[in-house]
Amino acid sequence: MKIYGQFPSVRMRRMRRDDFSRRLMRETVLTPDDLIYPVFILDGKSRTENVASMPGVERMTVDRLLPVAEQCVKLRIPALALFPVIEPRLKTADGREAFNPKGLVPRATAALKKRFPELGIMTDVALDPYTTHGQDGVIDRSGYILNDATLEVLVRQALAQAEAGVDIVAPSDMMDGRIGRIRAALEKAGHIHTKIMAYSAKYASGFYGPFRDAVGSAKNLGKGDKYTYQIDPANSDEALWEAGMDLEEGADMIMVKPGMPYLDIVRRVKDEFGAPTFVYQVSGEYAMLQAAGINGWIDRRKCVLESLLAFKRAGADGILTYFALEAAAWLKEG
């Protein structure tokens, strides 16, 4: 970096002194347009359930979700991301409920698009909420995830979602080749406008625990892990390799997950490809900020907005965050 003079001719605090000059030189701006709100949906009617490990977050039936969607529209949050809580009786080893055209996700999507056609709907393409073993794919007798057999199910899942009116399918499974297979299937079925957000840089992280509690896959997974298909947290170049392949296969957007511990990955992906780049402030990050705020250890509002701004500064075009509703309201207040 070129040095532009020295003290006292240059005083960096000169531009920081006044609010107007701080605003004039501000490099990064966070708005509600940058937010996607992840929600957990239940079957049935008029039900909500608290998620113990995510204070302030609820699982909810679709009728309870509709007023939340209306809030998103009013606050100009562009999209909801749906994550289903599947009843145990519907879970199988092969996760076949994932492609049921009358399943929870297609029904929720249809209801939302009927009421709020302008609100983007994003859905998860992965099998962990639907399997008895809690893994993201079909397993063999040893418990190993079968890549190619899983692709067949993921394609059917993505097609069922697209048929229901989903705007963005988001494969989070980390199987090799799934973006290309899903894109080809969508094109063949005439869903040429359905967008794909590829979870390309999804790490085998410890920050997902509360999410697995929320969707009910934690007990099924037990002591199992996902190291054989998610990225090693020690690796950075591998994430770029994954992202490059997904873009070549037809992804419209790239996802980095988790968020705050992987800001370097967000920046590298954005700098390398210049493609629409998104980041997920995952459940563990939410839980830490929420717990510290509830206990008065941090200024909750200030720290939440700072964390979201950091994602934008690192290069993210959008952020999935459980704070989306509150953050959008705070930003509206100015």
C-alpha atoms as a PDB file:
ATOM      1  CA  MET A   1       0.000   0.000   0.000  1.00  0.00           C
ATOM      2  CA  LYS A   2       1.279   3.440  -0.901  1.00  0.00           C
ATOM      3  CA  ILE A   3       1.918   5.732   2.092  1.00  0.00           C
ATOM      4  CA  TYR A   4       0.238   9.112   1.690  1.00  0.00           C
ATOM      5  CA  GLY A   5       2.372  11.342   3.906  1.00  0.00           C
ATOM      6  CA  GLN A   6       3.230  11.280   7.582  1.00  0.00           C
ATOM      7  CA  PHE A   7       2.108  12.829  10.858  1.00  0.00           C
ATOM      8  CA  PRO A   8       1.503  15.712  11.535  1.00  0.00           C
ATOM      9  CA  SER A   9       0.617  16.693   7.958  1.00  0.00           C
ATOM     10  CA  VAL A  10      -1.567  13.606   7.830  1.00  0.00           C
ATOM     11  CA  ARG A  11      -3.881  13.092  10.787  1.00  0.00           C
ATOM     12  CA  MET A  12      -6.069  10.031  10.266  1.00  0.00           C
ATOM     13  CA  ARG A  13      -8.371  11.153  13.072  1.00  0.00           C
ATOM     14  CA  ARG A  14      -9.244  14.307  11.138  1.00  0.00           C
ATOM     15  CA  MET A  15     -11.761  12.417   8.968  1.00  0.00           C
ATOM     16  CA  ARG A  16     -13.021  10.429  11.950  1.00  0.00           C
ATOM     17  CA  ARG A  17     -13.867  13.463  14.063  1.00  0.00           C
ATOM     18  CA  ASP A  18     -17.324  14.280  12.689  1.00  0.00           C
ATOM     19  CA  ASP A  19     -20.297  12.093  11.848  1.00  0.00           C
ATOM     20  CA  PHE A  20     -20.732  13.615   8.382  1.00  0.00           C
ATOM     21  CA  SER A  21     -17.128  12.916   7.359  1.00  0.00           C
ATOM     22  CA  ARG A  22     -17.244   9.386   8.741  1.00  0.00           C
ATOM     23  CA  ARG A  23     -20.312   8.774   6.580  1.00  0.00           C
ATOM     24  CA  LEU A  24     -18.681  10.332   3.515  1.00  0.00           C
ATOM     25  CA  MET A  25     -15.716   7.941   3.664  1.00  0.00           C
ATOM     26  CA  ARG A  26     -17.635   4.819   4.704  1.00  0.00           C
ATOM     27  CA  GLU A  27     -16.564   1.952   2.457  1.00  0.00           C
ATOM     28  CA  THR A  28     -19.194  -0.668   3.318  1.00  0.00           C
ATOM     29  CA  VAL A  29     -22.946  -0.283   3.738  1.00  0.00           C
ATOM     30  CA  LEU A  30     -25.331  -2.873   5.190  1.00  0.00           C
ATOM     31  CA  THR A  31     -29.016  -2.772   4.163  1.00  0.00           C
ATOM     32  CA  PRO A  32     -32.016  -5.117   4.477  1.00  0.00           C
ATOM     33  CA  ASP A  33     -31.379  -6.031   0.814  1.00  0.00           C
ATOM     34  CA  ASP A  34     -28.358  -8.018   2.033  1.00  0.00           C
ATOM     35  CA  LEU A  35     -30.327 -10.361   4.310  1.00  0.00           C
ATOM     36  CA  ILE A  36     -31.916 -13.802   3.947  1.00  0.00           C
ATOM     37  CA  TYR A  37     -33.972 -15.085   6.883  1.00  0.00           C
ATOM     38  CA  PRO A  38     -33.647 -18.824   7.704  1.00  0.00           C
ATOM     39  CA  VAL A  39     -36.749 -20.347   9.307  1.00  0.00           C
ATOM     40  CA  PHE A  40     -37.609 -23.790  10.681  1.00  0.00           C
ATOM     41  CA  ILE A  41     -40.985 -25.157   9.608  1.00  0.00           C
ATOM     42  CA  LEU A  42     -43.224 -27.781  11.199  1.00  0.00           C
ATOM     43  CA  ASP A  43     -46.152 -29.800   9.918  1.00  0.00           C
ATOM     44  CA  GLY A  44     -49.598 -29.173  11.363  1.00  0.00           C
ATOM     45  CA  LYS A  45     -51.400 -25.979  12.350  1.00  0.00           C
ATOM     46  CA  SER A  46     -51.109 -23.229  14.960  1.00  0.00           C
ATOM     47  CA  ARG A  47     -47.936 -24.627  16.515  1.00  0.00           C
ATOM     48  CA  THR A  48     -44.647 -23.123  17.540  1.00  0.00           C
ATOM     49  CA  GLU A  49     -41.767 -24.719  19.418  1.00  0.00           C
ATOM     50  CA  ASN A  50     -38.815 -22.992  21.007  1.00  0.00           C
ATOM     51  CA  VAL A  51     -35.331 -24.120  20.014  1.00  0.00           C
ATOM     52  CA  ALA A  52     -33.583 -24.424  23.380  1.00  0.00           C
ATOM     53  CA  SER A  53     -30.062 -23.979  22.024  1.00  0.00           C
ATOM     54  CA  MET A  54     -31.112 -20.932  19.951  1.00  0.00           C
ATOM     55  CA  PRO A  55     -32.914 -18.533  22.320  1.00  0.00           C
ATOM     56  CA  GLY A  56     -35.396 -16.415  20.399  1.00  0.00           C
ATOM     57  CA  VAL A  57     -35.722 -18.863  17.483  1.00  0.00           C
ATOM     58  CA  GLU A  58     -38.870 -20.943  17.001  1.00  0.00           C
ATOM     59  CA  ARG A  59     -39.959 -23.808  14.818  1.00  0.00           C
ATOM     60  CA  MET A  60     -43.364 -22.933  13.364  1.00  0.00           C
ATOM     61  CA  THR A  61     -46.181 -24.296  11.252  1.00  0.00           C
ATOM     62  CA  VAL A  62     -46.867 -22.646   7.906  1.00  0.00           C
ATOM     63  CA  ASP A  63     -49.876 -20.664   9.153  1.00  0.00           C
ATOM     64  CA  ARG A  64     -47.635 -19.149  11.840  1.00  0.00           C
ATOM     65  CA  LEU A  65     -44.943 -18.491   9.235  1.00  0.00           C
ATOM     66  CA  LEU A  66     -47.179 -16.370   6.993  1.00  0.00           C
ATOM     67  CA  PRO A  67     -47.179 -13.319   9.341  1.00  0.00           C
ATOM     68  CA  VAL A  68     -43.382 -13.642   9.587  1.00  0.00           C
ATOM     69  CA  ALA A  69     -43.166 -13.623   5.799  1.00  0.00           C
ATOM     70  CA  GLU A  70     -45.322 -10.494   5.772  1.00  0.00           C
ATOM     71  CA  GLN A  71     -42.839  -8.840   8.137  1.00  0.00           C
ATOM     72  CA  CYS A  72     -40.022  -9.741   5.757  1.00  0.00           C
ATOM     73  CA  VAL A  73     -41.865  -8.096   2.877  1.00  0.00           C
ATOM     74  CA  LYS A  74     -42.531  -4.948   4.892  1.00  0.00           C
ATOM     75  CA  LEU A  75     -38.879  -4.760   5.998  1.00  0.00           C
ATOM     76  CA  ARG A  76     -37.665  -5.390   2.416  1.00  0.00           C
ATOM     77  CA  ILE A  77     -35.844  -8.615   3.293  1.00  0.00           C
ATOM     78  CA  PRO A  78     -35.525 -10.255  -0.139  1.00  0.00           C
ATOM     79  CA  ALA A  79     -35.843 -13.935   0.742  1.00  0.00           C
ATOM     80  CA  LEU A  80     -36.732 -16.647   3.260  1.00  0.00           C
ATOM     81  CA  ALA A  81     -34.746 -19.877   3.553  1.00  0.00           C
ATOM     82  CA  LEU A  82     -36.870 -22.873   4.582  1.00  0.00           C
ATOM     83  CA  PHE A  83     -35.530 -25.697   6.751  1.00  0.00           C
ATOM     84  CA  PRO A  84     -37.992 -28.506   7.543  1.00  0.00           C
ATOM     85  CA  VAL A  85     -38.467 -30.392  10.784  1.00  0.00           C
ATOM     86  CA  ILE A  86     -39.562 -33.801   9.544  1.00  0.00           C
ATOM     87  CA  GLU A  87     -41.656 -36.116  11.706  1.00  0.00           C
ATOM     88  CA  PRO A  88     -39.713 -39.231  12.792  1.00  0.00           C
ATOM     89  CA  ARG A  89     -42.259 -41.559  11.169  1.00  0.00           C
ATOM     90  CA  LEU A  90     -41.395 -40.076   7.746  1.00  0.00           C
ATOM     91  CA  LYS A  91     -37.637 -40.543   8.068  1.00  0.00           C
ATOM     92  CA  THR A  92     -36.013 -43.408   6.179  1.00  0.00           C
ATOM     93  CA  ALA A  93     -32.499 -44.583   5.434  1.00  0.00           C
ATOM     94  CA  ASP A  94     -32.739 -43.243   1.872  1.00  0.00           C
ATOM     95  CA  GLY A  95     -34.560 -39.991   2.770  1.00  0.00           C
ATOM     96  CA  ARG A  96     -37.287 -40.501   0.162  1.00  0.00           C
ATOM     97  CA  GLU A  97     -39.607 -37.992   1.856  1.00  0.00           C
ATOM     98  CA  ALA A  98     -37.243 -35.313   0.505  1.00  0.00           C
ATOM     99  CA  PHE A  99     -38.808 -35.606  -2.959  1.00  0.00           C
ATOM    100  CA  ASN A 100     -42.445 -36.049  -1.918  1.00  0.00           C
ATOM    101  CA  PRO A 101     -44.309 -33.434  -4.039  1.00  0.00           C
ATOM    102  CA  LYS A 102     -46.881 -33.131  -1.249  1.00  0.00           C
ATOM    103  CA  GLY A 103     -44.252 -32.907   1.490  1.00  0.00           C
ATOM    104  CA  LEU A 104     -43.756 -30.109   3.989  1.00  0.00           C
ATOM    105  CA  VAL A 105     -41.377 -27.973   1.939  1.00  0.00           C
ATOM    106  CA  PRO A 106     -43.424 -27.992  -1.312  1.00  0.00           C
ATOM    107  CA  ARG A 107     -46.613 -27.207   0.614  1.00  0.00           C
ATOM    108  CA  ALA A 108     -44.960 -24.384   2.556  1.00  0.00           C
ATOM    109  CA  THR A 109     -43.505 -22.960  -0.639  1.00  0.00           C
ATOM    110  CA  ALA A 110     -46.849 -22.998  -2.436  1.00  0.00           C
ATOM    111  CA  ALA A 111     -48.560 -21.242   0.489  1.00  0.00           C
ATOM    112  CA  LEU A 112     -45.881 -18.568   0.697  1.00  0.00           C
ATOM    113  CA  LYS A 113     -45.755 -17.883  -3.044  1.00  0.00           C
ATOM    114  CA  LYS A 114     -49.549 -17.607  -3.189  1.00  0.00           C
ATOM    115  CA  ARG A 115     -49.603 -14.915  -0.484  1.00  0.00           C
ATOM    116  CA  PHE A 116     -46.281 -13.199  -1.170  1.00  0.00           C
ATOM    117  CA  PRO A 117     -45.202 -13.802  -4.783  1.00  0.00           C
ATOM    118  CA  GLU A 118     -42.580 -11.068  -4.527  1.00  0.00           C
ATOM    119  CA  LEU A 119     -40.751 -12.778  -1.635  1.00  0.00           C
ATOM    120  CA  GLY A 120     -37.893 -15.038  -2.697  1.00  0.00           C
ATOM    121  CA  ILE A 121     -38.060 -18.613  -1.400  1.00  0.00           C
ATOM    122  CA  MET A 122     -34.871 -20.595  -0.947  1.00  0.00           C
ATOM    123  CA  THR A 123     -34.822 -24.272   0.030  1.00  0.00           C
ATOM    124  CA  ASP A 124     -32.190 -26.663   1.269  1.00  0.00           C
ATOM    125  CA  VAL A 125     -31.221 -29.589  -0.955  1.00  0.00           C
ATOM    126  CA  ALA A 126     -29.803 -32.234   1.389  1.00  0.00           C
ATOM    127  CA  LEU A 127     -31.086 -35.348   3.069  1.00  0.00           C
ATOM    128  CA  ASP A 128     -30.116 -34.941   6.730  1.00  0.00           C
ATOM    129  CA  PRO A 129     -33.598 -33.805   7.935  1.00  0.00           C
ATOM    130  CA  TYR A 130     -35.130 -36.826   6.168  1.00  0.00           C
ATOM    131  CA  THR A 131     -32.784 -39.699   7.060  1.00  0.00           C
ATOM    132  CA  THR A 132     -32.881 -42.020  10.043  1.00  0.00           C
ATOM    133  CA  HIS A 133     -29.086 -41.719  10.355  1.00  0.00           C
ATOM    134  CA  GLY A 134     -28.817 -37.908  10.126  1.00  0.00           C
ATOM    135  CA  GLN A 135     -26.331 -37.888   7.272  1.00  0.00           C
ATOM    136  CA  ASP A 136     -26.749 -35.746   4.143  1.00  0.00           C
ATOM    137  CA  GLY A 137     -26.853 -38.717   1.788  1.00  0.00           C
ATOM    138  CA  VAL A 138     -27.556 -42.390   1.240  1.00  0.00           C
ATOM    139  CA  ILE A 139     -25.244 -44.702   3.207  1.00  0.00           C
ATOM    140  CA  ASP A 140     -23.847 -48.198   2.649  1.00  0.00           C
ATOM    141  CA  ARG A 141     -23.692 -50.950   5.283  1.00  0.00           C
ATOM    142  CA  SER A 142     -20.526 -49.474   6.786  1.00  0.00           C
ATOM    143  CA  GLY A 143     -22.131 -46.045   7.157  1.00  0.00           C
ATOM    144  CA  TYR A 144     -20.143 -44.463   4.310  1.00  0.00           C
ATOM    145  CA  ILE A 145     -22.003 -41.838   2.240  1.00  0.00           C
ATOM    146  CA  LEU A 146     -22.576 -43.059  -1.318  1.00  0.00           C
ATOM    147  CA  ASN A 147     -21.967 -40.106  -3.592  1.00  0.00           C
ATOM    148  CA  ASP A 148     -23.598 -41.218  -6.865  1.00  0.00           C
ATOM    149  CA  ALA A 149     -26.613 -42.889  -5.275  1.00  0.00           C
ATOM    150  CA  THR A 150     -27.212 -39.702  -3.293  1.00  0.00           C
ATOM    151  CA  LEU A 151     -27.155 -37.598  -6.481  1.00  0.00           C
ATOM    152  CA  GLU A 152     -30.237 -39.405  -7.755  1.00  0.00           C
ATOM    153  CA  VAL A 153     -32.208 -38.446  -4.651  1.00  0.00           C
ATOM    154  CA  LEU A 154     -30.934 -34.862  -4.621  1.00  0.00           C
ATOM    155  CA  VAL A 155     -32.008 -34.333  -8.225  1.00  0.00           C
ATOM    156  CA  ARG A 156     -35.517 -35.562  -7.417  1.00  0.00           C
ATOM    157  CA  GLN A 157     -35.609 -33.335  -4.326  1.00  0.00           C
ATOM    158  CA  ALA A 158     -34.559 -30.237  -6.287  1.00  0.00           C
ATOM    159  CA  LEU A 159     -37.143 -30.953  -9.006  1.00  0.00           C
ATOM    160  CA  ALA A 160     -39.936 -31.347  -6.431  1.00  0.00           C
ATOM    161  CA  GLN A 161     -38.975 -28.011  -4.914  1.00  0.00           C
ATOM    162  CA  ALA A 162     -38.789 -26.247  -8.279  1.00  0.00           C
ATOM    163  CA  GLU A 163     -42.193 -27.639  -9.265  1.00  0.00           C
ATOM    164  CA  ALA A 164     -43.632 -26.128  -6.054  1.00  0.00           C
ATOM    165  CA  GLY A 165     -42.354 -22.672  -7.034  1.00  0.00           C
ATOM    166  CA  VAL A 166     -39.045 -22.397  -5.182  1.00  0.00           C
ATOM    167  CA  ASP A 167     -36.888 -19.555  -6.499  1.00  0.00           C
ATOM    168  CA  ILE A 168     -33.500 -20.763  -5.235  1.00  0.00           C
ATOM    169  CA  VAL A 169     -32.507 -24.371  -4.614  1.00  0.00           C
ATOM    170  CA  ALA A 170     -29.494 -24.545  -2.328  1.00  0.00           C
ATOM    171  CA  PRO A 171     -27.597 -27.863  -2.334  1.00  0.00           C
ATOM    172  CA  SER A 172     -25.823 -28.067   1.025  1.00  0.00           C
ATOM    173  CA  ASP A 173     -24.972 -31.763   0.870  1.00  0.00           C
ATOM    174  CA  MET A 174     -21.383 -31.447  -0.487  1.00  0.00           C
ATOM    175  CA  MET A 175     -21.673 -34.443  -2.819  1.00  0.00           C
ATOM    176  CA  ASP A 176     -19.374 -34.312  -5.861  1.00  0.00           C
ATOM    177  CA  GLY A 177     -21.108 -33.410  -9.109  1.00  0.00           C
ATOM    178  CA  ARG A 178     -24.473 -32.480  -7.670  1.00  0.00           C
ATOM    179  CA  ILE A 179     -24.619 -28.966  -9.140  1.00  0.00           C
ATOM    180  CA  GLY A 180     -24.176 -30.197 -12.699  1.00  0.00           C
ATOM    181  CA  ARG A 181     -26.733 -32.952 -12.282  1.00  0.00           C
ATOM    182  CA  ILE A 182     -29.303 -30.630 -10.701  1.00  0.00           C
ATOM    183  CA  ARG A 183     -28.768 -27.907 -13.305  1.00  0.00           C
ATOM    184  CA  ALA A 184     -29.204 -30.381 -16.164  1.00  0.00           C
ATOM    185  CA  ALA A 185     -32.390 -31.767 -14.609  1.00  0.00           C
ATOM    186  CA  LEU A 186     -33.841 -28.292 -14.037  1.00  0.00           C
ATOM    187  CA  GLU A 187     -33.121 -27.304 -17.636  1.00  0.00           C
ATOM    188  CA  LYS A 188     -34.644 -30.496 -19.011  1.00  0.00           C
ATOM    189  CA  ALA A 189     -37.799 -29.968 -16.924  1.00  0.00           C
ATOM    190  CA  GLY A 190     -38.147 -26.377 -18.146  1.00  0.00           C
ATOM    191  CA  HIS A 191     -37.143 -24.714 -14.870  1.00  0.00           C
ATOM    192  CA  ILE A 192     -34.658 -22.464 -16.626  1.00  0.00           C
ATOM    193  CA  HIS A 193     -35.174 -19.582 -14.174  1.00  0.00           C
ATOM    194  CA  THR A 194     -34.645 -21.593 -10.987  1.00  0.00           C
ATOM    195  CA  LYS A 195     -31.485 -20.344  -9.334  1.00  0.00           C
ATOM    196  CA  ILE A 196     -28.875 -22.531  -7.651  1.00  0.00           C
ATOM    197  CA  MET A 197     -27.024 -21.325  -4.569  1.00  0.00           C
ATOM    198  CA  ALA A 198     -24.230 -23.855  -4.100  1.00  0.00           C
ATOM    199  CA  TYR A 199     -22.926 -24.472  -0.611  1.00  0.00           C
ATOM    200  CA  SER A 200     -19.471 -24.775  -2.173  1.00  0.00           C
ATOM    201  CA  ALA A 201     -17.346 -23.884   0.844  1.00  0.00           C
ATOM    202  CA  LYS A 202     -19.178 -25.778   3.576  1.00  0.00           C
ATOM    203  CA  TYR A 203     -16.805 -26.749   6.336  1.00  0.00           C
ATOM    204  CA  ALA A 204     -16.959 -29.679   8.766  1.00  0.00           C
ATOM    205  CA  SER A 205     -17.541 -27.211  11.569  1.00  0.00           C
ATOM    206  CA  GLY A 206     -18.426 -27.452  15.232  1.00  0.00           C
ATOM    207  CA  PHE A 207     -20.690 -24.420  14.865  1.00  0.00           C
ATOM    208  CA  TYR A 208     -23.666 -26.363  13.464  1.00  0.00           C
ATOM    209  CA  GLY A 209     -24.827 -27.999  16.702  1.00  0.00           C
ATOM    210  CA  PRO A 210     -27.876 -25.833  17.479  1.00  0.00           C
ATOM    211  CA  PHE A 211     -29.114 -26.138  13.873  1.00  0.00           C
ATOM    212  CA  ARG A 212     -29.065 -29.932  14.131  1.00  0.00           C
ATOM    213  CA  ASP A 213     -31.093 -29.612  17.323  1.00  0.00           C
ATOM    214  CA  ALA A 214     -33.565 -27.356  15.520  1.00  0.00           C
ATOM    215  CA  VAL A 215     -34.229 -29.700  12.563  1.00  0.00           C
ATOM    216  CA  GLY A 216     -34.094 -32.831  14.710  1.00  0.00           C
ATOM    217  CA  SER A 217     -31.110 -34.485  13.051  1.00  0.00           C
ATOM    218  CA  ALA A 218     -28.740 -34.324  16.036  1.00  0.00           C
ATOM    219  CA  LYS A 219     -30.133 -37.451  17.720  1.00  0.00           C
ATOM    220  CA  ASN A 220     -30.123 -39.367  14.455  1.00  0.00           C
ATOM    221  CA  LEU A 221     -26.524 -38.408  13.730  1.00  0.00           C
ATOM    222  CA  GLY A 222     -25.451 -39.356  17.252  1.00  0.00           C
ATOM    223  CA  LYS A 223     -21.675 -39.648  17.443  1.00  0.00           C
ATOM    224  CA  GLY A 224     -21.380 -39.642  13.660  1.00  0.00           C
ATOM    225  CA  ASP A 225     -19.575 -36.911  11.758  1.00  0.00           C
ATOM    226  CA  LYS A 226     -19.458 -35.434   8.259  1.00  0.00           C
ATOM    227  CA  TYR A 227     -15.711 -35.302   7.726  1.00  0.00           C
ATOM    228  CA  THR A 228     -15.810 -37.474   4.595  1.00  0.00           C
ATOM    229  CA  TYR A 229     -17.751 -34.890   2.582  1.00  0.00           C
ATOM    230  CA  GLN A 230     -17.468 -31.452   4.224  1.00  0.00           C
ATOM    231  CA  ILE A 231     -14.257 -29.385   3.947  1.00  0.00           C
ATOM    232  CA  ASP A 232     -11.521 -29.643   6.560  1.00  0.00           C
ATOM    233  CA  PRO A 233     -11.450 -26.345   8.549  1.00  0.00           C
ATOM    234  CA  ALA A 234      -7.665 -26.293   8.018  1.00  0.00           C
ATOM    235  CA  ASN A 235      -8.031 -25.851   4.239  1.00  0.00           C
ATOM    236  CA  SER A 236      -8.460 -22.728   2.146  1.00  0.00           C
ATOM    237  CA  ASP A 237      -7.363 -23.593  -1.415  1.00  0.00           C
ATOM    238  CA  GLU A 238      -9.766 -26.534  -1.416  1.00  0.00           C
ATOM    239  CA  ALA A 239     -12.707 -24.151  -0.977  1.00  0.00           C
ATOM    240  CA  LEU A 240     -11.713 -22.264  -4.116  1.00  0.00           C
ATOM    241  CA  TRP A 241     -11.408 -25.529  -6.018  1.00  0.00           C
ATOM    242  CA  GLU A 242     -14.930 -26.501  -4.936  1.00  0.00           C
ATOM    243  CA  ALA A 243     -16.343 -23.070  -5.806  1.00  0.00           C
ATOM    244  CA  GLY A 244     -14.754 -23.075  -9.236  1.00  0.00           C
ATOM    245  CA  MET A 245     -16.187 -26.486 -10.094  1.00  0.00           C
ATOM    246  CA  ASP A 246     -19.675 -25.515  -8.882  1.00  0.00           C
ATOM    247  CA  LEU A 247     -19.675 -22.381 -11.016  1.00  0.00           C
ATOM    248  CA  GLU A 248     -18.585 -24.374 -14.048  1.00  0.00           C
ATOM    249  CA  GLU A 249     -21.392 -26.852 -13.387  1.00  0.00           C
ATOM    250  CA  GLY A 250     -24.036 -24.112 -13.392  1.00  0.00           C
ATOM    251  CA  ALA A 251     -24.259 -22.536  -9.938  1.00  0.00           C
ATOM    252  CA  ASP A 252     -25.563 -18.963  -9.918  1.00  0.00           C
ATOM    253  CA  MET A 253     -24.313 -18.168  -6.424  1.00  0.00           C
ATOM    254  CA  ILE A 254     -21.662 -19.432  -4.023  1.00  0.00           C
ATOM    255  CA  MET A 255     -22.122 -20.018  -0.296  1.00  0.00           C
ATOM    256  CA  VAL A 256     -19.474 -19.966   2.437  1.00  0.00           C
ATOM    257  CA  LYS A 257     -20.463 -21.649   5.715  1.00  0.00           C
ATOM    258  CA  PRO A 258     -19.894 -20.933   8.616  1.00  0.00           C
ATOM    259  CA  GLY A 259     -19.465 -17.181   8.536  1.00  0.00           C
ATOM    260  CA  MET A 260     -17.335 -15.279  11.023  1.00  0.00           C
ATOM    261  CA  PRO A 261     -14.522 -17.851  11.419  1.00  0.00           C
ATOM    262  CA  TYR A 262     -14.259 -18.036   7.604  1.00  0.00           C
ATOM    263  CA  LEU A 263     -14.128 -14.387   6.505  1.00  0.00           C
ATOM    264  CA  ASP A 264     -10.839 -15.130   4.752  1.00  0.00           C
ATOM    265  CA  ILE A 265     -12.637 -17.692   2.584  1.00  0.00           C
ATOM    266  CA  VAL A 266     -15.372 -15.188   1.701  1.00  0.00           C
ATOM    267  CA  ARG A 267     -12.731 -12.715   0.548  1.00  0.00           C
ATOM    268  CA  ARG A 268     -10.753 -15.298  -1.422  1.00  0.00           C
ATOM    269  CA  VAL A 269     -13.860 -16.628  -3.195  1.00  0.00           C
ATOM    270  CA  LYS A 270     -15.060 -13.135  -4.088  1.00  0.00           C
ATOM    271  CA  ASP A 271     -11.654 -12.000  -5.305  1.00  0.00           C
ATOM    272  CA  GLU A 272     -11.055 -15.158  -7.328  1.00  0.00           C
ATOM    273  CA  PHE A 273     -14.404 -15.489  -9.105  1.00  0.00           C
ATOM    274  CA  GLY A 274     -16.313 -12.213  -8.726  1.00  0.00           C
ATOM    275  CA  ALA A 275     -19.510 -14.294  -8.640  1.00  0.00           C
ATOM    276  CA  PRO A 276     -22.446 -13.578  -6.305  1.00  0.00           C
ATOM    277  CA  THR A 277     -21.063 -14.718  -2.944  1.00  0.00           C
ATOM    278  CA  PHE A 278     -23.126 -15.440   0.148  1.00  0.00           C
ATOM    279  CA  VAL A 279     -22.309 -16.364   3.721  1.00  0.00           C
ATOM    280  CA  TYR A 280     -24.252 -18.137   6.461  1.00  0.00           C
ATOM    281  CA  GLN A 281     -24.055 -16.792  10.003  1.00  0.00           C
ATOM    282  CA  VAL A 282     -24.748 -20.242  11.387  1.00  0.00           C
ATOM    283  CA  SER A 283     -26.597 -21.400  14.472  1.00  0.00           C
ATOM    284  CA  GLY A 284     -23.521 -21.603  16.700  1.00  0.00           C
ATOM    285  CA  GLU A 285     -22.567 -18.029  15.844  1.00  0.00           C
ATOM    286  CA  TYR A 286     -26.126 -16.907  16.565  1.00  0.00           C
ATOM    287  CA  ALA A 287     -26.203 -18.781  19.873  1.00  0.00           C
ATOM    288  CA  MET A 288     -22.957 -17.206  21.079  1.00  0.00           C
ATOM    289  CA  LEU A 289     -24.010 -13.657  20.238  1.00  0.00           C
ATOM    290  CA  GLN A 290     -27.495 -14.212  21.632  1.00  0.00           C
ATOM    291  CA  ALA A 291     -26.274 -15.743  24.903  1.00  0.00           C
ATOM    292  CA  ALA A 292     -23.704 -13.000  25.458  1.00  0.00           C
ATOM    293  CA  GLY A 293     -26.333 -10.353  24.732  1.00  0.00           C
ATOM    294  CA  ILE A 294     -28.942 -11.908  27.021  1.00  0.00           C
ATOM    295  CA  ASN A 295     -26.392 -12.034  29.842  1.00  0.00           C
ATOM    296  CA  GLY A 296     -25.380  -8.422  29.294  1.00  0.00           C
ATOM    297  CA  TRP A 297     -21.794  -9.324  28.416  1.00  0.00           C
ATOM    298  CA  ILE A 298     -21.959  -7.440  25.103  1.00  0.00           C
ATOM    299  CA  ASP A 299     -24.067  -4.709  23.532  1.00  0.00           C
ATOM    300  CA  ARG A 300     -26.211  -7.139  21.550  1.00  0.00           C
ATOM    301  CA  ARG A 301     -27.500  -4.767  18.880  1.00  0.00           C
ATOM    302  CA  LYS A 302     -24.111  -3.212  18.248  1.00  0.00           C
ATOM    303  CA  CYS A 303     -22.303  -6.552  18.029  1.00  0.00           C
ATOM    304  CA  VAL A 304     -24.906  -8.161  15.776  1.00  0.00           C
ATOM    305  CA  LEU A 305     -24.806  -5.295  13.297  1.00  0.00           C
ATOM    306  CA  GLU A 306     -21.014  -5.233  13.459  1.00  0.00           C
ATOM    307  CA  SER A 307     -20.839  -8.946  12.675  1.00  0.00           C
ATOM    308  CA  LEU A 308     -23.156  -8.527   9.672  1.00  0.00           C
ATOM    309  CA  LEU A 309     -21.181  -5.546   8.421  1.00  0.00           C
ATOM    310  CA  ALA A 310     -18.007  -7.647   8.661  1.00  0.00           C
ATOM    311  CA  PHE A 311     -19.481 -10.159   6.213  1.00  0.00           C
ATOM    312  CA  LYS A 312     -20.185  -7.376   3.738  1.00  0.00           C
ATOM    313  CA  ARG A 313     -16.727  -5.912   4.218  1.00  0.00           C
ATOM    314  CA  ALA A 314     -15.191  -9.316   3.517  1.00  0.00           C
ATOM    315  CA  GLY A 315     -16.965  -9.444   0.149  1.00  0.00           C
ATOM    316  CA  ALA A 316     -20.325 -11.114   0.766  1.00  0.00           C
ATOM    317  CA  ASP A 317     -23.230  -9.998  -1.390  1.00  0.00           C
ATOM    318  CA  GLY A 318     -25.769 -11.459   1.013  1.00  0.00           C
ATOM    319  CA  ILE A 319     -26.033 -13.015   4.472  1.00  0.00           C
ATOM    320  CA  LEU A 320     -28.214 -15.777   5.863  1.00  0.00           C
ATOM    321  CA  THR A 321     -28.794 -14.821   9.478  1.00  0.00           C
ATOM    322  CA  TYR A 322     -31.293 -15.604  12.229  1.00  0.00           C
ATOM    323  CA  PHE A 323     -30.995 -11.937  13.190  1.00  0.00           C
ATOM    324  CA  ALA A 324     -32.454 -10.815   9.834  1.00  0.00           C
ATOM    325  CA  LEU A 325     -35.787  -9.496  11.139  1.00  0.00           C
ATOM    326  CA  GLU A 326     -34.234  -7.565  14.003  1.00  0.00           C
ATOM    327  CA  ALA A 327     -31.334  -6.308  11.931  1.00  0.00           C
ATOM    328  CA  ALA A 328     -33.637  -5.058   9.176  1.00  0.00           C
ATOM    329  CA  ALA A 329     -35.779  -3.238  11.755  1.00  0.00           C
ATOM    330  CA  TRP A 330     -32.673  -1.676  13.343  1.00  0.00           C
ATOM    331  CA  LEU A 331     -31.401  -0.546   9.945  1.00  0.00           C
ATOM    332  CA  LYS A 332     -34.783   0.947   9.159  1.00  0.00           C
ATOM    333  CA  GLU A 333     -34.575   2.950  12.391  1.00  0.00           C
ATOM    334  CA  GLY A 334     -31.222   4.282  11.227  1.00  0.00           C
END
